[in-house]
Amino acid sequence: MTASADAPVAQLRRQLGVFDAVVIGLGSMIGAGIFSALGPAAAAAGSGLLPALAVAAVVAYCNATSSARLAARYPASGGTYVYGRQRLGDFWGYLAGWGFVVGKTASCAAMALTIGVYLWPTQAHGVAVAAVVALTAVNYLGVQKAAWLTRTIVAVVLAVLAFVVTACLTSTGSHLGQVTDGHHTTVTDVLQAAGLLFFAFAGYARIATLGEEVRDPARTIPRAIPVALAITLVVYTAVAVAVLAVLGDRLATATAPLVDATRLAGLPQVAPAIRVGAAVAALGSLLALILGVSRTTLAMARDRHLPHALAAVHPRFHGPHRAELAIGAIVAIVAATTDLRGAIGFSSFGVLAYYAIANASAWTLSPAEGRPPRVVPVVGLVGCVVLAVALPPSATIAGAAVLATGAAIYALRRIGRPTRGS
């Protein structure tokens, strides 16, 4: 069902292979989340941080598997927006796209502010806006240039994280066995921490939303998503264990846990390098986030759920240039007017709703269509709902209100144009 049958739909160029797709996924996941989410998650879960990481990883794996099977079946820009429309109906696809665009726009602002906080704390908002403008320009010039920049960023961030892990685990100040709870950790605490940590995993969707720009998507996407997720899980587990080994209970109150950990490990002189690494990580996440949100915007604009002018593809750079400029402008405004705290929870709610619809869509696949084992979409769907409800109440209420607003807009559009065909 498409509302744009009156004109040919401009297509994006397929130019990314498995390696580039994996790198874009890593650039999305191995970003600012690991530098900023460990502290809030430890505050929620106490000594249950590692179990919370495991829960987040299981839900992420199910979501990734469902997304990979669907992306191979429907290799077009838009991700779950496309899958939901094809498998569940127009409304569910629209709701997934709405949740993704709104939630990830907030996440883009959070990443931009992370860059500012680490590089120039007193001018964080100005630095954030400058970062958004610069990366929007990079994306405007084409996805291949963005992939090359992401490759460089991932290499730098992995080097910084490897140094932190080595420094912490070889420190004589390690005291992992001394981690205790300031309060009795409950299942709800662990689930809330898992929901916050999920924010750091939710980057593999970028691979699926690039379905129209990868070569041989039926083969490339199912390979790239689990590889990127597996590498990310290994890195996150190593960093969490290493930081816990040095900080112990102090992780819960640390605002820059990796910086604090290297200082206590006896290497205070490397703190500036860690700060730069965190900023570079946020830069990589922001680059990939803008890339993914603009592609979902493109898909929704093609179907007139967003202004159709945003469906334009640049004749030279082969990217959705109007969608990229629009998203960049909105993110810059949000980054200039909001603060970092609370953005993680709000973004997590929107993305969990997005993946809940992805898992429901994957459930409807037949074996001939590449359906995953039945347990995968079931665990993924239930996990998304549970983690969304377990998030801090402010994030849950705000996220639910945003989804309700999107549903109301959809209903009003249908009432206003009841005779419009598909």
Protein backbone atom coordinates (compact mmCIF):
# COMPACT_ATOMS: atom_id res chain seq x y z
CA MET A 1 0.00 0.00 0.00
CA THR A 2 1.53 3.30 -1.11
CA ALA A 3 0.19 6.76 -1.44
CA SER A 4 2.82 7.92 -3.88
CA ALA A 5 1.82 5.91 -6.94
CA ASP A 6 1.25 9.15 -8.91
CA ALA A 7 5.01 9.54 -9.44
CA PRO A 8 8.06 7.28 -9.71
CA VAL A 9 9.78 6.67 -6.39
CA ALA A 10 13.45 7.67 -6.42
CA GLN A 11 15.62 4.81 -5.19
CA LEU A 12 18.79 4.90 -3.13
CA ARG A 13 21.99 3.35 -4.45
CA ARG A 14 23.09 -0.08 -3.16
CA GLN A 15 26.76 0.37 -2.30
CA LEU A 16 27.39 -1.09 1.19
CA GLY A 17 28.76 -4.58 1.82
CA VAL A 18 28.76 -6.74 4.95
CA PHE A 19 31.81 -5.05 6.46
CA ASP A 20 30.44 -1.52 6.02
CA ALA A 21 27.05 -2.59 7.41
CA VAL A 22 28.71 -4.13 10.49
CA VAL A 23 30.80 -0.99 11.01
CA ILE A 24 27.72 1.25 10.83
CA GLY A 25 26.02 -1.01 13.39
CA LEU A 26 29.07 -0.86 15.66
CA GLY A 27 29.25 2.89 15.28
CA SER A 28 25.64 3.08 16.44
CA MET A 29 25.99 0.72 19.42
CA ILE A 30 29.55 1.22 20.67
CA GLY A 31 28.97 4.87 21.34
CA ALA A 32 28.20 7.21 24.18
CA GLY A 33 25.93 4.66 25.85
CA ILE A 34 28.80 2.70 27.35
CA PHE A 35 30.36 5.93 28.64
CA SER A 36 27.16 7.30 30.18
CA ALA A 37 24.65 4.49 30.88
CA LEU A 38 26.74 2.41 33.31
CA GLY A 39 26.34 4.86 36.20
CA PRO A 40 22.52 5.19 36.08
CA ALA A 41 22.17 1.44 35.51
CA ALA A 42 24.41 0.69 38.52
CA ALA A 43 22.38 3.13 40.63
CA ALA A 44 19.22 1.21 39.72
CA ALA A 45 20.55 -2.35 40.00
CA GLY A 46 23.47 -2.21 42.44
CA SER A 47 25.34 -5.49 42.25
CA GLY A 48 22.74 -6.63 39.69
CA LEU A 49 24.42 -4.60 36.95
CA LEU A 50 25.87 -7.60 35.11
CA PRO A 51 22.57 -9.57 35.21
CA ALA A 52 20.86 -6.42 33.88
CA LEU A 53 23.39 -6.29 31.04
CA ALA A 54 22.59 -9.93 30.26
CA VAL A 55 18.83 -9.23 30.19
CA ALA A 56 19.34 -6.26 27.87
CA ALA A 57 21.53 -8.40 25.61
CA VAL A 58 18.92 -11.20 25.40
CA VAL A 59 16.17 -8.75 24.44
CA ALA A 60 18.53 -7.07 21.96
CA TYR A 61 19.41 -10.44 20.42
CA CYS A 62 15.75 -11.33 19.90
CA ASN A 63 15.05 -7.92 18.42
CA ALA A 64 18.09 -8.17 16.17
CA THR A 65 17.13 -11.64 14.93
CA SER A 66 13.55 -10.59 14.18
CA SER A 67 14.79 -7.42 12.47
CA ALA A 68 17.33 -9.32 10.38
CA ARG A 69 14.74 -11.80 9.05
CA LEU A 70 12.31 -9.01 8.24
CA ALA A 71 14.99 -6.84 6.62
CA ALA A 72 16.01 -9.71 4.36
CA ARG A 73 12.36 -10.11 3.34
CA TYR A 74 11.74 -6.36 2.88
CA PRO A 75 15.05 -4.71 1.90
CA ALA A 76 13.79 -1.11 1.78
CA SER A 77 14.56 2.01 3.80
CA GLY A 78 12.38 2.42 6.87
CA GLY A 79 13.01 -0.67 9.01
CA THR A 80 10.07 -1.65 11.22
CA TYR A 81 7.96 1.12 9.69
CA VAL A 82 8.00 -0.97 6.51
CA TYR A 83 7.71 -4.36 8.25
CA GLY A 84 4.78 -3.29 10.41
CA ARG A 85 2.85 -1.98 7.41
CA GLN A 86 3.48 -5.14 5.41
CA ARG A 87 2.75 -7.66 8.16
CA LEU A 88 0.37 -5.98 10.63
CA GLY A 89 -1.26 -3.10 8.77
CA ASP A 90 -0.73 0.55 8.03
CA PHE A 91 -1.37 1.81 11.56
CA TRP A 92 1.19 -0.43 13.28
CA GLY A 93 3.86 0.45 10.76
CA TYR A 94 3.10 4.11 11.20
CA LEU A 95 3.24 3.81 15.00
CA ALA A 96 6.62 2.06 14.78
CA GLY A 97 7.97 4.79 12.52
CA TRP A 98 6.59 7.51 14.76
CA GLY A 99 8.13 5.98 17.88
CA PHE A 100 11.46 5.52 16.14
CA VAL A 101 11.70 9.03 14.68
CA VAL A 102 10.63 10.78 17.89
CA GLY A 103 12.65 8.56 20.23
CA LYS A 104 15.78 8.62 18.12
CA THR A 105 15.56 12.36 17.58
CA ALA A 106 15.81 12.69 21.37
CA SER A 107 18.68 10.21 21.31
CA CYS A 108 20.46 12.30 18.66
CA ALA A 109 20.19 15.33 20.94
CA ALA A 110 21.53 13.27 23.86
CA MET A 111 24.54 12.15 21.83
CA ALA A 112 25.24 15.70 20.70
CA LEU A 113 25.05 16.95 24.30
CA THR A 114 27.40 14.15 25.40
CA ILE A 115 29.97 15.48 22.94
CA GLY A 116 29.59 18.95 24.43
CA VAL A 117 29.71 17.79 28.06
CA TYR A 118 32.94 15.88 27.52
CA LEU A 119 34.74 18.37 25.26
CA TRP A 120 33.66 21.74 26.67
CA PRO A 121 31.29 21.42 29.66
CA THR A 122 30.65 25.15 30.02
CA GLN A 123 29.63 25.43 26.35
CA ALA A 124 27.98 22.05 25.96
CA HIS A 125 24.93 23.30 24.05
CA GLY A 126 26.99 25.26 21.53
CA VAL A 127 29.30 22.32 20.88
CA ALA A 128 26.28 20.03 20.53
CA VAL A 129 24.69 22.21 17.86
CA ALA A 130 28.00 22.49 15.98
CA ALA A 131 28.37 18.69 16.02
CA VAL A 132 24.85 18.23 14.61
CA VAL A 133 25.51 20.71 11.80
CA ALA A 134 28.82 19.07 10.88
CA LEU A 135 27.50 15.51 10.84
CA THR A 136 24.36 16.48 8.93
CA ALA A 137 26.70 17.84 6.26
CA VAL A 138 28.64 14.55 6.19
CA ASN A 139 25.44 12.54 5.76
CA TYR A 140 24.26 14.94 3.06
CA LEU A 141 27.32 14.06 0.97
CA GLY A 142 26.33 10.40 0.80
CA VAL A 143 26.18 7.20 2.86
CA GLN A 144 29.53 5.87 1.60
CA LYS A 145 31.37 8.89 3.05
CA ALA A 146 29.45 8.39 6.30
CA ALA A 147 30.50 4.72 6.37
CA TRP A 148 34.19 5.64 5.98
CA LEU A 149 34.01 8.19 8.78
CA THR A 150 32.18 5.69 11.00
CA ARG A 151 34.93 3.12 10.35
CA THR A 152 37.55 5.56 11.67
CA ILE A 153 35.46 6.47 14.70
CA VAL A 154 34.86 2.81 15.62
CA ALA A 155 38.60 2.09 15.47
CA VAL A 156 39.38 5.00 17.81
CA VAL A 157 36.65 4.09 20.31
CA LEU A 158 37.62 0.41 20.42
CA ALA A 159 41.23 1.42 21.10
CA VAL A 160 40.15 3.68 24.00
CA LEU A 161 37.90 0.99 25.50
CA ALA A 162 40.62 -1.64 25.17
CA PHE A 163 42.99 0.64 27.06
CA VAL A 164 40.44 1.23 29.84
CA VAL A 165 39.78 -2.50 30.23
CA THR A 166 43.50 -3.33 30.34
CA ALA A 167 44.27 -0.54 32.81
CA CYS A 168 41.45 -1.51 35.17
CA LEU A 169 41.96 -5.26 35.14
CA THR A 170 45.71 -4.95 35.74
CA SER A 171 45.29 -2.38 38.53
CA THR A 172 46.21 -3.38 42.06
CA GLY A 173 43.19 -1.39 43.24
CA SER A 174 40.66 -3.78 41.73
CA HIS A 175 38.05 -4.94 44.22
CA LEU A 176 35.26 -6.59 42.24
CA GLY A 177 34.44 -8.85 45.16
CA GLN A 178 33.67 -5.79 47.32
CA VAL A 179 30.65 -4.72 45.25
CA THR A 180 27.64 -4.51 47.53
CA ASP A 181 24.15 -3.06 47.39
CA GLY A 182 23.22 0.21 49.02
CA HIS A 183 19.72 -1.28 49.08
CA HIS A 184 18.22 -4.67 48.50
CA THR A 185 18.25 -5.27 44.74
CA THR A 186 14.91 -6.46 43.38
CA VAL A 187 13.88 -7.91 40.04
CA THR A 188 12.31 -4.56 39.20
CA ASP A 189 15.66 -2.83 39.84
CA VAL A 190 17.44 -5.20 37.48
CA LEU A 191 14.77 -4.72 34.80
CA GLN A 192 14.98 -0.93 35.09
CA ALA A 193 18.75 -1.10 34.71
CA ALA A 194 18.30 -3.42 31.71
CA GLY A 195 15.97 -0.88 30.13
CA LEU A 196 18.55 1.87 30.61
CA LEU A 197 21.36 -0.33 29.26
CA PHE A 198 19.21 -1.24 26.25
CA PHE A 199 19.78 2.33 25.11
CA ALA A 200 23.42 1.40 24.48
CA PHE A 201 22.50 -1.67 22.39
CA ALA A 202 19.80 -0.17 20.19
CA GLY A 203 21.97 0.60 17.18
CA TYR A 204 21.58 -2.49 15.03
CA ALA A 205 18.34 -0.98 13.65
CA ARG A 206 20.59 1.31 11.64
CA ILE A 207 21.62 -1.67 9.53
CA ALA A 208 18.00 -2.60 8.83
CA THR A 209 16.99 0.98 7.98
CA LEU A 210 19.77 0.98 5.38
CA GLY A 211 18.14 -2.00 3.63
CA GLU A 212 17.86 -0.08 0.36
CA GLU A 213 21.55 0.83 0.32
CA VAL A 214 23.27 -2.53 0.97
CA ARG A 215 24.31 -4.96 -1.72
CA ASP A 216 22.51 -8.32 -1.70
CA PRO A 217 20.36 -7.40 1.35
CA ALA A 218 18.92 -10.91 1.80
CA ARG A 219 22.45 -12.10 2.55
CA THR A 220 24.14 -8.98 3.92
CA ILE A 221 21.64 -7.86 6.58
CA PRO A 222 21.14 -11.23 8.38
CA ARG A 223 24.93 -11.54 8.59
CA ALA A 224 25.75 -7.99 9.63
CA ILE A 225 23.23 -7.56 12.46
CA PRO A 226 24.21 -10.54 14.67
CA VAL A 227 27.93 -9.94 14.06
CA ALA A 228 27.65 -6.30 15.14
CA LEU A 229 25.57 -7.24 18.18
CA ALA A 230 27.94 -10.02 19.27
CA ILE A 231 30.99 -7.74 19.06
CA THR A 232 29.16 -5.06 21.03
CA LEU A 233 28.13 -7.49 23.78
CA VAL A 234 31.71 -8.69 24.23
CA VAL A 235 32.99 -5.11 24.44
CA TYR A 236 30.27 -3.99 26.89
CA THR A 237 30.76 -6.97 29.16
CA ALA A 238 34.51 -6.43 29.30
CA VAL A 239 34.10 -2.71 30.06
CA ALA A 240 31.43 -3.30 32.74
CA VAL A 241 33.52 -5.93 34.52
CA ALA A 242 36.65 -3.79 34.34
CA VAL A 243 34.99 -0.64 35.66
CA LEU A 244 33.24 -2.58 38.44
CA ALA A 245 36.58 -4.10 39.39
CA VAL A 246 37.97 -0.65 40.18
CA LEU A 247 34.99 1.46 41.23
CA GLY A 248 32.81 -1.10 42.98
CA ASP A 249 29.92 0.68 44.72
CA ARG A 250 31.22 4.05 43.54
CA LEU A 251 30.08 3.27 40.00
CA ALA A 252 26.49 4.14 40.99
CA THR A 253 27.42 7.78 41.66
CA ALA A 254 30.04 8.25 38.94
CA THR A 255 29.17 10.82 36.27
CA ALA A 256 32.11 9.81 34.06
CA PRO A 257 32.79 6.22 35.19
CA LEU A 258 35.49 5.37 32.67
CA VAL A 259 37.45 8.51 33.55
CA ASP A 260 37.04 7.82 37.28
CA ALA A 261 38.09 4.19 36.83
CA THR A 262 41.33 5.03 35.03
CA ARG A 263 42.18 7.61 37.70
CA LEU A 264 41.71 5.08 40.51
CA ALA A 265 43.67 2.56 38.46
CA GLY A 266 46.67 4.87 38.81
CA LEU A 267 46.57 6.58 35.43
CA PRO A 268 45.07 10.06 35.97
CA GLN A 269 47.17 11.47 33.15
CA VAL A 270 45.09 9.61 30.55
CA ALA A 271 41.77 11.14 31.68
CA PRO A 272 41.82 13.76 28.87
CA ALA A 273 42.28 11.00 26.30
CA ILE A 274 39.33 9.10 27.76
CA ARG A 275 37.20 12.24 27.53
CA VAL A 276 38.16 12.64 23.89
CA GLY A 277 37.35 8.98 23.32
CA ALA A 278 33.90 9.47 24.84
CA ALA A 279 33.29 12.47 22.60
CA VAL A 280 34.41 10.51 19.53
CA ALA A 281 32.12 7.64 20.54
CA ALA A 282 29.18 10.03 20.83
CA LEU A 283 30.16 11.48 17.46
CA GLY A 284 29.95 8.02 15.89
CA SER A 285 26.57 7.34 17.47
CA LEU A 286 25.22 10.71 16.36
CA LEU A 287 26.43 10.15 12.79
CA ALA A 288 24.69 6.77 12.54
CA LEU A 289 21.56 7.99 14.34
CA ILE A 290 21.02 10.87 11.92
CA LEU A 291 21.59 8.39 9.10
CA GLY A 292 18.94 5.98 10.39
CA VAL A 293 16.31 8.55 11.39
CA SER A 294 16.54 10.27 8.01
CA ARG A 295 15.93 6.93 6.21
CA THR A 296 12.82 6.20 8.30
CA THR A 297 11.65 9.76 7.62
CA LEU A 298 12.20 9.10 3.91
CA ALA A 299 10.04 5.97 4.02
CA MET A 300 7.24 7.69 5.93
CA ALA A 301 7.36 10.68 3.58
CA ARG A 302 7.04 8.39 0.58
CA ASP A 303 3.76 7.17 2.03
CA ARG A 304 2.69 10.71 3.00
CA HIS A 305 2.69 10.04 6.74
CA LEU A 306 5.17 12.91 6.80
CA PRO A 307 5.43 15.79 4.28
CA HIS A 308 6.01 14.24 0.86
CA ALA A 309 8.71 16.79 0.03
CA LEU A 310 10.99 14.88 2.44
CA ALA A 311 10.96 11.88 0.09
CA ALA A 312 13.36 13.54 -2.36
CA VAL A 313 16.66 11.76 -3.15
CA HIS A 314 19.63 13.88 -4.17
CA PRO A 315 20.51 13.27 -7.86
CA ARG A 316 24.27 13.43 -7.20
CA PHE A 317 24.81 12.16 -3.65
CA HIS A 318 21.95 9.61 -3.78
CA GLY A 319 20.76 10.32 -0.24
CA PRO A 320 17.48 11.64 1.22
CA HIS A 321 18.89 15.15 1.47
CA ARG A 322 15.72 16.97 2.50
CA ALA A 323 14.97 14.43 5.23
CA GLU A 324 18.56 14.72 6.47
CA LEU A 325 18.39 18.52 6.61
CA ALA A 326 15.02 18.45 8.39
CA ILE A 327 16.18 15.95 11.01
CA GLY A 328 19.43 17.86 11.50
CA ALA A 329 17.54 21.11 12.10
CA ILE A 330 15.17 19.53 14.63
CA VAL A 331 18.00 17.79 16.51
CA ALA A 332 19.99 21.05 16.64
CA ILE A 333 17.00 22.86 18.19
CA VAL A 334 16.44 20.10 20.76
CA ALA A 335 20.15 19.95 21.61
CA ALA A 336 20.20 23.72 22.15
CA THR A 337 17.20 23.75 24.49
CA THR A 338 17.25 20.54 26.57
CA ASP A 339 19.53 18.73 29.03
CA LEU A 340 21.10 15.29 28.90
CA ARG A 341 19.41 13.68 31.91
CA GLY A 342 16.16 11.89 31.09
CA ALA A 343 16.88 11.59 27.36
CA ILE A 344 18.13 8.01 27.71
CA GLY A 345 14.92 6.77 29.33
CA PHE A 346 12.68 8.60 26.86
CA SER A 347 14.64 7.28 23.89
CA SER A 348 14.62 3.74 25.29
CA PHE A 349 10.82 3.76 25.58
CA GLY A 350 10.34 4.81 21.97
CA VAL A 351 12.82 2.26 20.65
CA LEU A 352 11.38 -0.56 22.79
CA ALA A 353 7.93 0.20 21.32
CA TYR A 354 9.49 0.11 17.85
CA TYR A 355 11.02 -3.32 18.46
CA ALA A 356 7.86 -4.69 20.05
CA ILE A 357 6.17 -4.10 16.69
CA ALA A 358 9.16 -5.66 14.91
CA ASN A 359 8.82 -8.84 16.96
CA ALA A 360 5.05 -8.97 16.37
CA SER A 361 5.75 -8.60 12.65
CA ALA A 362 8.34 -11.39 12.69
CA TRP A 363 5.81 -13.70 14.37
CA THR A 364 3.64 -13.52 11.22
CA LEU A 365 6.40 -14.74 8.89
CA SER A 366 5.99 -18.21 7.47
CA PRO A 367 8.85 -20.76 7.43
CA ALA A 368 9.22 -20.14 3.69
CA GLU A 369 9.66 -16.44 4.41
CA GLY A 370 12.52 -17.08 6.83
CA ARG A 371 10.61 -16.98 10.12
CA PRO A 372 12.89 -17.18 13.16
CA PRO A 373 12.23 -19.83 15.84
CA ARG A 374 8.90 -18.98 17.50
CA VAL A 375 10.54 -18.33 20.88
CA VAL A 376 12.59 -15.45 19.46
CA PRO A 377 9.78 -12.98 18.62
CA VAL A 378 7.85 -14.03 21.73
CA VAL A 379 10.74 -13.33 24.10
CA GLY A 380 11.56 -10.18 22.17
CA LEU A 381 8.00 -8.82 22.32
CA VAL A 382 7.49 -9.64 26.01
CA GLY A 383 10.95 -8.33 26.86
CA CYS A 384 10.33 -5.01 25.10
CA VAL A 385 7.03 -4.47 26.93
CA VAL A 386 8.47 -5.42 30.33
CA LEU A 387 11.56 -3.22 29.98
CA ALA A 388 9.48 -0.27 28.75
CA VAL A 389 7.18 -0.51 31.78
CA ALA A 390 10.15 -0.93 34.14
CA LEU A 391 11.81 2.31 33.02
CA PRO A 392 11.66 5.34 35.35
CA PRO A 393 8.02 6.54 35.56
CA SER A 394 8.79 9.89 33.93
CA ALA A 395 10.18 8.15 30.85
CA THR A 396 7.28 5.70 30.65
CA ILE A 397 4.63 8.41 30.99
CA ALA A 398 6.30 10.74 28.48
CA GLY A 399 6.86 7.91 26.01
CA ALA A 400 3.28 6.68 26.26
CA ALA A 401 2.03 10.25 25.75
CA VAL A 402 4.14 10.62 22.60
CA LEU A 403 2.82 7.34 21.16
CA ALA A 404 -0.75 8.39 21.98
CA THR A 405 -0.16 11.72 20.24
CA GLY A 406 1.10 9.90 17.15
CA ALA A 407 -1.94 7.62 17.15
CA ALA A 408 -4.25 10.64 17.44
CA ILE A 409 -2.56 12.36 14.51
CA TYR A 410 -2.97 9.20 12.44
CA ALA A 411 -6.67 8.99 13.31
CA LEU A 412 -7.26 12.65 12.46
CA ARG A 413 -5.57 12.23 9.10
CA ARG A 414 -7.76 9.23 8.30
CA ILE A 415 -10.91 11.14 9.29
CA GLY A 416 -9.84 14.17 7.28
CA ARG A 417 -9.17 12.14 4.13
CA PRO A 418 -11.54 9.16 4.24
CA THR A 419 -11.72 8.70 0.50
CA ARG A 420 -7.99 8.66 -0.20
CA GLY A 421 -6.93 5.44 -1.83
CA SER A 422 -3.74 3.55 -1.33
